[in-house]
Amino acid sequence: MTTTAFITHRDCWQHDMGVHHPESPERLDAINDRLIAAGLDIHLQHHLAPLASMEQLQRVHPLDYIEKLKAMSPAQGVVHLDPDTAMSPGTLTAALRAAGAGCLATDLVMRGEVQNAFCAVRPPGHHAERATAMGFCFFNNIAVAARHALAAWKLARVAIVDFDVHHGNGTEDVFSGDERVLMVSTFQHPFYPYSGTEHAAANMCNVPLPAGTRGDDFRQVVADIWLPRLRDYRPQMIFISAGFDAHYEDDMGSLGLLESDYAWVTTQIKQVAEETASGRIVSMLEGGYALSALARSVSAHIKVLAAL
């Protein structure tokens, strides 16, 4: 059996916030090119991301927020929702594909058709709060996927792991206090969105990292804090907000991870999943803006997921 599903859609290339915006369609080109060059592409089970349904979206986002996004979708040009988050004519469909990808990934994994899945989608999702688009994000893709696992597959406990350089404020907004979800995260602090350090609910395990943190310190945090919490919680499925902008080469942030660190943390997450969740993992692309570093890091991440 092919171990890993790879889910994307050409519609995710049609979301375009402007020629100089770091969250660009070229991010997906870089990932695809690297997977082919590394010979990983042929070992993956490829799927097209479906459009998320209203039922799937409304498990996370209020109907009036979804309708507001639809109403703001431009026929031409770009409409800014905040200084760095904008909609083009292709944005809404791309966002619906990105959210739908996580639900398909969950279904494939829960049906046992694959062990795990990686969703190469954009726009990203972890900054999107229940009723607020921000930080390049519109729908909270990982939250939609996790709620799908809870609702459609009747799981009792899922975990979300977020190693993006920015705090997943939207995911925390959605799940704070929800005992069916444990979220463990690392992020540079103080740094956008300037959250994640105060009054965290018991199911939030947020670990802020100072600028300049390198791989050894990141690994120590994962080993000492994340892994014991995950093992104690015994999730039945693990979701990964896979942001690669904590890479040394990515000037979006000031952390110093390397692709070897992403491979290592993926190995640790996979080990917990095998112990408690029958190996079930769904990973979704979040940040990562230095194209070569992003492509190499995703490749390292997928190589571990696919046991290649």
C-alpha atoms as a PDB file:
ATOM      1  CA  MET A   1       0.000   0.000   0.000  1.00  0.00           C
ATOM      2  CA  THR A   2       1.134   3.531  -0.742  1.00  0.00           C
ATOM      3  CA  THR A   3       1.764   5.016   2.687  1.00  0.00           C
ATOM      4  CA  THR A   4       1.157   8.684   1.968  1.00  0.00           C
ATOM      5  CA  ALA A   5      -1.477  10.642   0.073  1.00  0.00           C
ATOM      6  CA  PHE A   6      -0.483  13.924  -1.580  1.00  0.00           C
ATOM      7  CA  ILE A   7      -3.450  16.252  -2.026  1.00  0.00           C
ATOM      8  CA  THR A   8      -3.470  19.487  -4.023  1.00  0.00           C
ATOM      9  CA  HIS A   9      -5.436  21.203  -6.795  1.00  0.00           C
ATOM     10  CA  ARG A  10      -4.568  23.613  -9.605  1.00  0.00           C
ATOM     11  CA  ASP A  11      -7.173  26.009  -8.187  1.00  0.00           C
ATOM     12  CA  CYS A  12      -4.758  26.633  -5.295  1.00  0.00           C
ATOM     13  CA  TRP A  13      -2.466  28.363  -7.810  1.00  0.00           C
ATOM     14  CA  GLN A  14      -5.241  30.830  -8.758  1.00  0.00           C
ATOM     15  CA  HIS A  15      -5.182  32.689  -5.424  1.00  0.00           C
ATOM     16  CA  ASP A  16      -2.884  35.659  -6.085  1.00  0.00           C
ATOM     17  CA  MET A  17      -2.349  38.546  -3.649  1.00  0.00           C
ATOM     18  CA  GLY A  18       0.064  40.442  -5.885  1.00  0.00           C
ATOM     19  CA  VAL A  19       3.437  40.034  -7.537  1.00  0.00           C
ATOM     20  CA  HIS A  20       5.512  40.928  -4.448  1.00  0.00           C
ATOM     21  CA  HIS A  21       3.437  39.024  -1.885  1.00  0.00           C
ATOM     22  CA  PRO A  22       5.448  36.257  -0.174  1.00  0.00           C
ATOM     23  CA  GLU A  23       2.454  33.871  -0.073  1.00  0.00           C
ATOM     24  CA  SER A  24       2.690  33.218  -3.786  1.00  0.00           C
ATOM     25  CA  PRO A  25       1.623  30.449  -6.196  1.00  0.00           C
ATOM     26  CA  GLU A  26       5.327  29.738  -6.781  1.00  0.00           C
ATOM     27  CA  ARG A  27       5.414  28.070  -3.362  1.00  0.00           C
ATOM     28  CA  LEU A  28       3.482  25.101  -4.742  1.00  0.00           C
ATOM     29  CA  ASP A  29       5.623  25.000  -7.902  1.00  0.00           C
ATOM     30  CA  ALA A  30       8.749  24.785  -5.752  1.00  0.00           C
ATOM     31  CA  ILE A  31       7.316  21.888  -3.721  1.00  0.00           C
ATOM     32  CA  ASN A  32       6.170  19.939  -6.783  1.00  0.00           C
ATOM     33  CA  ASP A  33       9.472  20.435  -8.599  1.00  0.00           C
ATOM     34  CA  ARG A  34      11.463  19.258  -5.596  1.00  0.00           C
ATOM     35  CA  LEU A  35       9.354  16.137  -5.061  1.00  0.00           C
ATOM     36  CA  ILE A  36       9.854  15.166  -8.702  1.00  0.00           C
ATOM     37  CA  ALA A  37      13.590  15.924  -8.629  1.00  0.00           C
ATOM     38  CA  ALA A  38      14.017  13.914  -5.413  1.00  0.00           C
ATOM     39  CA  GLY A  39      12.125  10.949  -6.866  1.00  0.00           C
ATOM     40  CA  LEU A  40       9.467  11.101  -4.133  1.00  0.00           C
ATOM     41  CA  ASP A  41       6.566  11.998  -6.398  1.00  0.00           C
ATOM     42  CA  ILE A  42       6.113   8.501  -7.815  1.00  0.00           C
ATOM     43  CA  HIS A  43       5.799   6.970  -4.320  1.00  0.00           C
ATOM     44  CA  LEU A  44       2.810   9.117  -3.303  1.00  0.00           C
ATOM     45  CA  GLN A  45      -0.902   8.523  -3.871  1.00  0.00           C
ATOM     46  CA  HIS A  46      -2.096  11.661  -5.656  1.00  0.00           C
ATOM     47  CA  HIS A  47      -5.538  13.183  -5.083  1.00  0.00           C
ATOM     48  CA  LEU A  48      -7.300  16.371  -6.150  1.00  0.00           C
ATOM     49  CA  ALA A  49      -8.625  18.503  -3.297  1.00  0.00           C
ATOM     50  CA  PRO A  50     -12.427  18.761  -3.298  1.00  0.00           C
ATOM     51  CA  LEU A  51     -14.335  21.914  -2.409  1.00  0.00           C
ATOM     52  CA  ALA A  52     -15.180  22.007   1.299  1.00  0.00           C
ATOM     53  CA  SER A  53     -18.909  21.696   1.940  1.00  0.00           C
ATOM     54  CA  MET A  54     -20.920  24.202   3.948  1.00  0.00           C
ATOM     55  CA  GLU A  55     -21.397  21.545   6.608  1.00  0.00           C
ATOM     56  CA  GLN A  56     -17.628  21.061   6.918  1.00  0.00           C
ATOM     57  CA  LEU A  57     -16.945  24.808   7.064  1.00  0.00           C
ATOM     58  CA  GLN A  58     -19.719  25.539   9.570  1.00  0.00           C
ATOM     59  CA  ARG A  59     -18.214  23.173  12.120  1.00  0.00           C
ATOM     60  CA  VAL A  60     -15.587  25.922  12.528  1.00  0.00           C
ATOM     61  CA  HIS A  61     -16.856  29.169  10.978  1.00  0.00           C
ATOM     62  CA  PRO A  62     -20.233  30.926  11.453  1.00  0.00           C
ATOM     63  CA  LEU A  63     -22.461  31.063   8.395  1.00  0.00           C
ATOM     64  CA  ASP A  64     -22.436  34.870   8.280  1.00  0.00           C
ATOM     65  CA  TYR A  65     -18.630  34.880   8.109  1.00  0.00           C
ATOM     66  CA  ILE A  66     -18.622  32.376   5.225  1.00  0.00           C
ATOM     67  CA  GLU A  67     -21.256  34.432   3.396  1.00  0.00           C
ATOM     68  CA  LYS A  68     -19.258  37.621   4.011  1.00  0.00           C
ATOM     69  CA  LEU A  69     -16.179  36.083   2.349  1.00  0.00           C
ATOM     70  CA  LYS A  70     -18.303  34.994  -0.608  1.00  0.00           C
ATOM     71  CA  ALA A  71     -19.738  38.512  -0.918  1.00  0.00           C
ATOM     72  CA  MET A  72     -16.278  40.102  -0.821  1.00  0.00           C
ATOM     73  CA  SER A  73     -14.844  37.831  -3.520  1.00  0.00           C
ATOM     74  CA  PRO A  74     -13.937  40.161  -6.421  1.00  0.00           C
ATOM     75  CA  ALA A  75     -14.728  39.551 -10.082  1.00  0.00           C
ATOM     76  CA  GLN A  76     -11.468  41.296 -10.930  1.00  0.00           C
ATOM     77  CA  GLY A  77      -8.581  42.970  -9.137  1.00  0.00           C
ATOM     78  CA  VAL A  78      -7.666  42.520  -5.484  1.00  0.00           C
ATOM     79  CA  VAL A  79      -9.701  43.309  -2.353  1.00  0.00           C
ATOM     80  CA  HIS A  80      -7.736  43.706   0.913  1.00  0.00           C
ATOM     81  CA  LEU A  81      -9.234  42.325   4.128  1.00  0.00           C
ATOM     82  CA  ASP A  82      -6.240  43.598   6.095  1.00  0.00           C
ATOM     83  CA  PRO A  83      -2.856  45.012   5.003  1.00  0.00           C
ATOM     84  CA  ASP A  84      -1.392  41.571   4.199  1.00  0.00           C
ATOM     85  CA  THR A  85      -4.495  39.446   3.463  1.00  0.00           C
ATOM     86  CA  ALA A  86      -6.272  39.969   0.153  1.00  0.00           C
ATOM     87  CA  MET A  87      -8.752  38.259  -2.159  1.00  0.00           C
ATOM     88  CA  SER A  88      -8.332  37.907  -5.912  1.00  0.00           C
ATOM     89  CA  PRO A  89     -10.917  36.320  -8.245  1.00  0.00           C
ATOM     90  CA  GLY A  90      -9.408  32.884  -7.585  1.00  0.00           C
ATOM     91  CA  THR A  91      -9.112  33.180  -3.804  1.00  0.00           C
ATOM     92  CA  LEU A  92     -12.472  31.857  -2.646  1.00  0.00           C
ATOM     93  CA  THR A  93     -12.264  28.667  -4.711  1.00  0.00           C
ATOM     94  CA  ALA A  94      -8.650  28.119  -3.624  1.00  0.00           C
ATOM     95  CA  ALA A  95      -9.645  28.552   0.027  1.00  0.00           C
ATOM     96  CA  LEU A  96     -12.520  26.094  -0.385  1.00  0.00           C
ATOM     97  CA  ARG A  97     -10.119  23.561  -1.973  1.00  0.00           C
ATOM     98  CA  ALA A  98      -7.583  24.082   0.853  1.00  0.00           C
ATOM     99  CA  ALA A  99     -10.212  23.400   3.510  1.00  0.00           C
ATOM    100  CA  GLY A 100     -11.650  20.493   1.534  1.00  0.00           C
ATOM    101  CA  ALA A 101      -8.227  18.888   1.182  1.00  0.00           C
ATOM    102  CA  GLY A 102      -7.975  18.316   4.930  1.00  0.00           C
ATOM    103  CA  CYS A 103     -11.371  16.607   5.027  1.00  0.00           C
ATOM    104  CA  LEU A 104     -10.458  14.319   2.120  1.00  0.00           C
ATOM    105  CA  ALA A 105      -7.124  13.556   3.799  1.00  0.00           C
ATOM    106  CA  THR A 106      -8.943  12.655   7.010  1.00  0.00           C
ATOM    107  CA  ASP A 107     -11.315  10.345   5.129  1.00  0.00           C
ATOM    108  CA  LEU A 108      -8.498   8.599   3.250  1.00  0.00           C
ATOM    109  CA  VAL A 109      -6.555   7.999   6.449  1.00  0.00           C
ATOM    110  CA  MET A 110      -9.573   6.931   8.515  1.00  0.00           C
ATOM    111  CA  ARG A 111     -10.657   4.497   5.779  1.00  0.00           C
ATOM    112  CA  GLY A 112      -7.186   2.968   5.859  1.00  0.00           C
ATOM    113  CA  GLU A 113      -6.492   3.757   2.219  1.00  0.00           C
ATOM    114  CA  VAL A 114      -3.253   5.483   3.278  1.00  0.00           C
ATOM    115  CA  GLN A 115      -1.351   5.750   6.559  1.00  0.00           C
ATOM    116  CA  ASN A 116      -1.025   9.512   6.392  1.00  0.00           C
ATOM    117  CA  ALA A 117      -1.476  12.476   4.060  1.00  0.00           C
ATOM    118  CA  PHE A 118       0.146  15.784   3.133  1.00  0.00           C
ATOM    119  CA  CYS A 119      -1.969  18.621   1.738  1.00  0.00           C
ATOM    120  CA  ALA A 120       0.013  20.977  -0.526  1.00  0.00           C
ATOM    121  CA  VAL A 121      -2.570  23.725  -0.521  1.00  0.00           C
ATOM    122  CA  ARG A 122      -2.867  27.466  -0.269  1.00  0.00           C
ATOM    123  CA  PRO A 123      -4.062  29.788   1.128  1.00  0.00           C
ATOM    124  CA  PRO A 124      -2.827  28.582   4.525  1.00  0.00           C
ATOM    125  CA  GLY A 125      -5.214  28.497   7.469  1.00  0.00           C
ATOM    126  CA  HIS A 126      -3.900  28.618  11.020  1.00  0.00           C
ATOM    127  CA  HIS A 127      -4.314  32.391  11.540  1.00  0.00           C
ATOM    128  CA  ALA A 128      -7.986  32.346  10.482  1.00  0.00           C
ATOM    129  CA  GLU A 129     -10.118  32.741  13.586  1.00  0.00           C
ATOM    130  CA  ARG A 130     -13.734  31.653  13.754  1.00  0.00           C
ATOM    131  CA  ALA A 131     -14.977  34.894  12.218  1.00  0.00           C
ATOM    132  CA  THR A 132     -11.825  36.746  11.139  1.00  0.00           C
ATOM    133  CA  ALA A 133      -9.546  36.343   8.121  1.00  0.00           C
ATOM    134  CA  MET A 134      -5.966  37.414   8.835  1.00  0.00           C
ATOM    135  CA  GLY A 135      -2.314  36.544   8.320  1.00  0.00           C
ATOM    136  CA  PHE A 136      -2.804  35.294   4.714  1.00  0.00           C
ATOM    137  CA  CYS A 137      -5.593  32.939   5.957  1.00  0.00           C
ATOM    138  CA  PHE A 138      -9.341  32.745   5.218  1.00  0.00           C
ATOM    139  CA  PHE A 139     -10.646  29.377   6.433  1.00  0.00           C
ATOM    140  CA  ASN A 140      -8.835  27.487   9.188  1.00  0.00           C
ATOM    141  CA  ASN A 141      -7.927  24.388   7.173  1.00  0.00           C
ATOM    142  CA  ILE A 142      -6.484  22.335  10.035  1.00  0.00           C
ATOM    143  CA  ALA A 143      -9.441  23.147  12.293  1.00  0.00           C
ATOM    144  CA  VAL A 144     -11.923  22.138   9.578  1.00  0.00           C
ATOM    145  CA  ALA A 145     -10.063  18.832   9.164  1.00  0.00           C
ATOM    146  CA  ALA A 146      -9.864  18.156  12.912  1.00  0.00           C
ATOM    147  CA  ARG A 147     -13.555  18.934  13.436  1.00  0.00           C
ATOM    148  CA  HIS A 148     -14.337  16.622  10.498  1.00  0.00           C
ATOM    149  CA  ALA A 149     -12.486  13.798  12.269  1.00  0.00           C
ATOM    150  CA  LEU A 150     -14.450  14.447  15.459  1.00  0.00           C
ATOM    151  CA  ALA A 151     -17.856  14.810  13.802  1.00  0.00           C
ATOM    152  CA  ALA A 152     -17.804  12.485  10.805  1.00  0.00           C
ATOM    153  CA  TRP A 153     -15.572   9.772  12.271  1.00  0.00           C
ATOM    154  CA  LYS A 154     -16.669  10.081  15.926  1.00  0.00           C
ATOM    155  CA  LEU A 155     -13.139  10.307  17.289  1.00  0.00           C
ATOM    156  CA  ALA A 156     -12.890  11.317  20.939  1.00  0.00           C
ATOM    157  CA  ARG A 157      -9.395  12.849  20.998  1.00  0.00           C
ATOM    158  CA  VAL A 158      -7.260  14.462  18.293  1.00  0.00           C
ATOM    159  CA  ALA A 159      -4.045  16.449  18.559  1.00  0.00           C
ATOM    160  CA  ILE A 160      -2.820  19.387  16.493  1.00  0.00           C
ATOM    161  CA  VAL A 161       0.925  20.007  16.185  1.00  0.00           C
ATOM    162  CA  ASP A 162       1.964  23.446  14.874  1.00  0.00           C
ATOM    163  CA  PHE A 163       5.634  24.268  14.214  1.00  0.00           C
ATOM    164  CA  ASP A 164       5.120  27.352  12.035  1.00  0.00           C
ATOM    165  CA  VAL A 165       7.267  30.381  12.965  1.00  0.00           C
ATOM    166  CA  HIS A 166       4.034  32.251  13.762  1.00  0.00           C
ATOM    167  CA  HIS A 167       1.592  31.287  16.505  1.00  0.00           C
ATOM    168  CA  GLY A 168      -1.547  29.541  15.266  1.00  0.00           C
ATOM    169  CA  ASN A 169      -3.860  32.051  16.902  1.00  0.00           C
ATOM    170  CA  GLY A 170      -6.826  31.024  14.778  1.00  0.00           C
ATOM    171  CA  THR A 171      -6.527  27.364  15.727  1.00  0.00           C
ATOM    172  CA  GLU A 172      -6.288  28.351  19.388  1.00  0.00           C
ATOM    173  CA  ASP A 173      -9.355  30.585  18.980  1.00  0.00           C
ATOM    174  CA  VAL A 174     -11.340  27.655  17.573  1.00  0.00           C
ATOM    175  CA  PHE A 175     -10.277  24.976  20.054  1.00  0.00           C
ATOM    176  CA  SER A 176      -9.477  26.781  23.312  1.00  0.00           C
ATOM    177  CA  GLY A 177     -11.174  24.817  26.084  1.00  0.00           C
ATOM    178  CA  ASP A 178     -12.278  21.949  23.790  1.00  0.00           C
ATOM    179  CA  GLU A 179     -11.068  18.855  25.650  1.00  0.00           C
ATOM    180  CA  ARG A 180     -11.385  16.713  22.507  1.00  0.00           C
ATOM    181  CA  VAL A 181      -8.406  18.595  21.034  1.00  0.00           C
ATOM    182  CA  LEU A 182      -4.864  19.035  22.356  1.00  0.00           C
ATOM    183  CA  MET A 183      -2.784  21.649  20.557  1.00  0.00           C
ATOM    184  CA  VAL A 184       0.998  21.725  20.955  1.00  0.00           C
ATOM    185  CA  SER A 185       2.910  24.504  19.242  1.00  0.00           C
ATOM    186  CA  THR A 186       6.183  26.370  18.972  1.00  0.00           C
ATOM    187  CA  PHE A 187       6.530  29.868  17.549  1.00  0.00           C
ATOM    188  CA  GLN A 188       8.844  32.847  17.618  1.00  0.00           C
ATOM    189  CA  HIS A 189       7.867  35.371  20.296  1.00  0.00           C
ATOM    190  CA  PRO A 190       7.483  38.310  20.462  1.00  0.00           C
ATOM    191  CA  PHE A 191       6.388  38.167  16.830  1.00  0.00           C
ATOM    192  CA  TYR A 192       3.224  38.317  14.707  1.00  0.00           C
ATOM    193  CA  PRO A 193       0.430  37.770  15.726  1.00  0.00           C
ATOM    194  CA  TYR A 194       1.678  38.644  19.234  1.00  0.00           C
ATOM    195  CA  SER A 195      -0.390  35.950  20.925  1.00  0.00           C
ATOM    196  CA  GLY A 196      -0.128  32.526  22.470  1.00  0.00           C
ATOM    197  CA  THR A 197       1.607  33.382  25.728  1.00  0.00           C
ATOM    198  CA  GLU A 198      -1.180  34.621  28.014  1.00  0.00           C
ATOM    199  CA  HIS A 199      -4.057  32.778  29.698  1.00  0.00           C
ATOM    200  CA  ALA A 200      -3.834  29.647  27.569  1.00  0.00           C
ATOM    201  CA  ALA A 201      -6.529  27.044  28.200  1.00  0.00           C
ATOM    202  CA  ALA A 202      -5.506  23.687  29.653  1.00  0.00           C
ATOM    203  CA  ASN A 203      -5.663  21.996  26.233  1.00  0.00           C
ATOM    204  CA  MET A 204      -3.172  24.478  24.721  1.00  0.00           C
ATOM    205  CA  CYS A 205       0.532  23.671  25.048  1.00  0.00           C
ATOM    206  CA  ASN A 206       2.147  26.789  23.560  1.00  0.00           C
ATOM    207  CA  VAL A 207       5.936  27.115  23.699  1.00  0.00           C
ATOM    208  CA  PRO A 208       7.237  30.546  22.639  1.00  0.00           C
ATOM    209  CA  LEU A 209      10.813  30.609  21.306  1.00  0.00           C
ATOM    210  CA  PRO A 210      13.079  33.669  21.264  1.00  0.00           C
ATOM    211  CA  ALA A 211      14.505  34.955  17.983  1.00  0.00           C
ATOM    212  CA  GLY A 212      17.702  33.099  17.132  1.00  0.00           C
ATOM    213  CA  THR A 213      16.557  29.716  18.475  1.00  0.00           C
ATOM    214  CA  ARG A 214      18.315  26.917  16.594  1.00  0.00           C
ATOM    215  CA  GLY A 215      17.489  23.277  16.004  1.00  0.00           C
ATOM    216  CA  ASP A 216      19.037  21.845  19.183  1.00  0.00           C
ATOM    217  CA  ASP A 217      16.871  24.026  21.419  1.00  0.00           C
ATOM    218  CA  PHE A 218      13.778  23.330  19.329  1.00  0.00           C
ATOM    219  CA  ARG A 219      14.403  19.586  19.621  1.00  0.00           C
ATOM    220  CA  GLN A 220      14.816  19.916  23.401  1.00  0.00           C
ATOM    221  CA  VAL A 221      11.444  21.656  23.676  1.00  0.00           C
ATOM    222  CA  VAL A 222       9.769  18.960  21.577  1.00  0.00           C
ATOM    223  CA  ALA A 223      11.351  16.152  23.610  1.00  0.00           C
ATOM    224  CA  ASP A 224      10.759  17.713  27.052  1.00  0.00           C
ATOM    225  CA  ILE A 225       7.356  19.382  26.590  1.00  0.00           C
ATOM    226  CA  TRP A 226       5.459  18.286  23.466  1.00  0.00           C
ATOM    227  CA  LEU A 227       6.064  14.550  23.467  1.00  0.00           C
ATOM    228  CA  PRO A 228       5.080  13.901  27.119  1.00  0.00           C
ATOM    229  CA  ARG A 229       1.871  15.917  26.643  1.00  0.00           C
ATOM    230  CA  LEU A 230       1.016  14.063  23.432  1.00  0.00           C
ATOM    231  CA  ARG A 231       1.688  10.653  24.961  1.00  0.00           C
ATOM    232  CA  ASP A 232      -0.348  11.462  28.079  1.00  0.00           C
ATOM    233  CA  TYR A 233      -3.239  12.648  25.901  1.00  0.00           C
ATOM    234  CA  ARG A 234      -3.184   9.586  23.634  1.00  0.00           C
ATOM    235  CA  PRO A 235      -4.684  11.181  20.506  1.00  0.00           C
ATOM    236  CA  GLN A 236      -6.542   8.946  18.058  1.00  0.00           C
ATOM    237  CA  MET A 237      -5.310  11.069  15.143  1.00  0.00           C
ATOM    238  CA  ILE A 238      -2.649  13.771  14.767  1.00  0.00           C
ATOM    239  CA  PHE A 239      -2.976  16.840  12.572  1.00  0.00           C
ATOM    240  CA  ILE A 240       0.081  18.930  11.659  1.00  0.00           C
ATOM    241  CA  SER A 241       0.045  22.620  10.823  1.00  0.00           C
ATOM    242  CA  ALA A 242       3.239  22.282   8.831  1.00  0.00           C
ATOM    243  CA  GLY A 243       4.768  25.727   8.488  1.00  0.00           C
ATOM    244  CA  PHE A 244       8.360  25.800   7.277  1.00  0.00           C
ATOM    245  CA  ASP A 245       9.091  29.502   7.841  1.00  0.00           C
ATOM    246  CA  ALA A 246      11.136  28.776  10.972  1.00  0.00           C
ATOM    247  CA  HIS A 247      13.879  27.653   8.546  1.00  0.00           C
ATOM    248  CA  TYR A 248      17.236  29.392   8.819  1.00  0.00           C
ATOM    249  CA  GLU A 249      16.993  30.681   5.240  1.00  0.00           C
ATOM    250  CA  ASP A 250      13.481  32.137   5.626  1.00  0.00           C
ATOM    251  CA  ASP A 251      13.660  35.838   6.400  1.00  0.00           C
ATOM    252  CA  MET A 252       9.964  35.945   7.310  1.00  0.00           C
ATOM    253  CA  GLY A 253      11.135  35.009  10.817  1.00  0.00           C
ATOM    254  CA  SER A 254      14.302  34.740  12.878  1.00  0.00           C
ATOM    255  CA  LEU A 255      14.491  31.103  13.935  1.00  0.00           C
ATOM    256  CA  GLY A 256      17.157  28.717  12.693  1.00  0.00           C
ATOM    257  CA  LEU A 257      15.681  25.343  11.856  1.00  0.00           C
ATOM    258  CA  LEU A 258      17.020  23.167   9.041  1.00  0.00           C
ATOM    259  CA  GLU A 259      15.369  20.452   6.971  1.00  0.00           C
ATOM    260  CA  SER A 260      17.038  17.887   9.252  1.00  0.00           C
ATOM    261  CA  ASP A 261      15.082  19.383  12.166  1.00  0.00           C
ATOM    262  CA  TYR A 262      11.817  19.042  10.236  1.00  0.00           C
ATOM    263  CA  ALA A 263      12.662  15.432   9.434  1.00  0.00           C
ATOM    264  CA  TRP A 264      13.453  14.801  13.111  1.00  0.00           C
ATOM    265  CA  VAL A 265      10.245  16.346  14.475  1.00  0.00           C
ATOM    266  CA  THR A 266       8.204  14.464  11.856  1.00  0.00           C
ATOM    267  CA  THR A 267       9.831  11.232  13.049  1.00  0.00           C
ATOM    268  CA  GLN A 268       8.885  12.035  16.663  1.00  0.00           C
ATOM    269  CA  ILE A 269       5.276  12.863  15.727  1.00  0.00           C
ATOM    270  CA  LYS A 270       5.034   9.711  13.628  1.00  0.00           C
ATOM    271  CA  GLN A 271       6.269   7.632  16.553  1.00  0.00           C
ATOM    272  CA  VAL A 272       3.546   9.000  18.845  1.00  0.00           C
ATOM    273  CA  ALA A 273       0.946   8.435  16.119  1.00  0.00           C
ATOM    274  CA  GLU A 274       2.047   4.817  15.806  1.00  0.00           C
ATOM    275  CA  GLU A 275       1.794   4.358  19.585  1.00  0.00           C
ATOM    276  CA  THR A 276      -1.629   5.927  20.103  1.00  0.00           C
ATOM    277  CA  ALA A 277      -3.350   6.610  16.763  1.00  0.00           C
ATOM    278  CA  SER A 278      -2.674   3.599  14.521  1.00  0.00           C
ATOM    279  CA  GLY A 279      -0.173   5.869  12.696  1.00  0.00           C
ATOM    280  CA  ARG A 280      -2.893   8.269  11.515  1.00  0.00           C
ATOM    281  CA  ILE A 281      -1.502  11.713  10.515  1.00  0.00           C
ATOM    282  CA  VAL A 282      -2.833  14.520   8.336  1.00  0.00           C
ATOM    283  CA  SER A 283      -0.318  17.278   7.589  1.00  0.00           C
ATOM    284  CA  MET A 284      -1.287  20.578   5.972  1.00  0.00           C
ATOM    285  CA  LEU A 285       0.972  23.253   4.534  1.00  0.00           C
ATOM    286  CA  GLU A 286       1.008  26.551   6.408  1.00  0.00           C
ATOM    287  CA  GLY A 287       3.938  28.996   6.038  1.00  0.00           C
ATOM    288  CA  GLY A 288       7.323  28.803   4.331  1.00  0.00           C
ATOM    289  CA  TYR A 289       8.378  31.557   1.945  1.00  0.00           C
ATOM    290  CA  ALA A 290      12.027  30.996   1.004  1.00  0.00           C
ATOM    291  CA  LEU A 291      11.243  28.780  -1.968  1.00  0.00           C
ATOM    292  CA  SER A 292      14.288  26.517  -1.964  1.00  0.00           C
ATOM    293  CA  ALA A 293      14.215  26.043   1.820  1.00  0.00           C
ATOM    294  CA  LEU A 294      10.459  25.402   1.701  1.00  0.00           C
ATOM    295  CA  ALA A 295      10.810  22.792  -1.022  1.00  0.00           C
ATOM    296  CA  ARG A 296      13.685  20.989   0.713  1.00  0.00           C
ATOM    297  CA  SER A 297      11.869  21.036   4.060  1.00  0.00           C
ATOM    298  CA  VAL A 298       8.592  19.699   2.658  1.00  0.00           C
ATOM    299  CA  SER A 299      10.555  17.003   0.862  1.00  0.00           C
ATOM    300  CA  ALA A 300      12.262  15.983   4.125  1.00  0.00           C
ATOM    301  CA  HIS A 301       8.892  15.984   5.931  1.00  0.00           C
ATOM    302  CA  ILE A 302       7.187  13.848   3.273  1.00  0.00           C
ATOM    303  CA  LYS A 303      10.137  11.458   3.059  1.00  0.00           C
ATOM    304  CA  VAL A 304       9.627  10.586   6.732  1.00  0.00           C
ATOM    305  CA  LEU A 305       5.827  10.370   6.422  1.00  0.00           C
ATOM    306  CA  ALA A 306       6.160   8.014   3.441  1.00  0.00           C
ATOM    307  CA  ALA A 307       8.958   5.978   5.074  1.00  0.00           C
ATOM    308  CA  LEU A 308      11.212   6.495   2.059  1.00  0.00           C
END
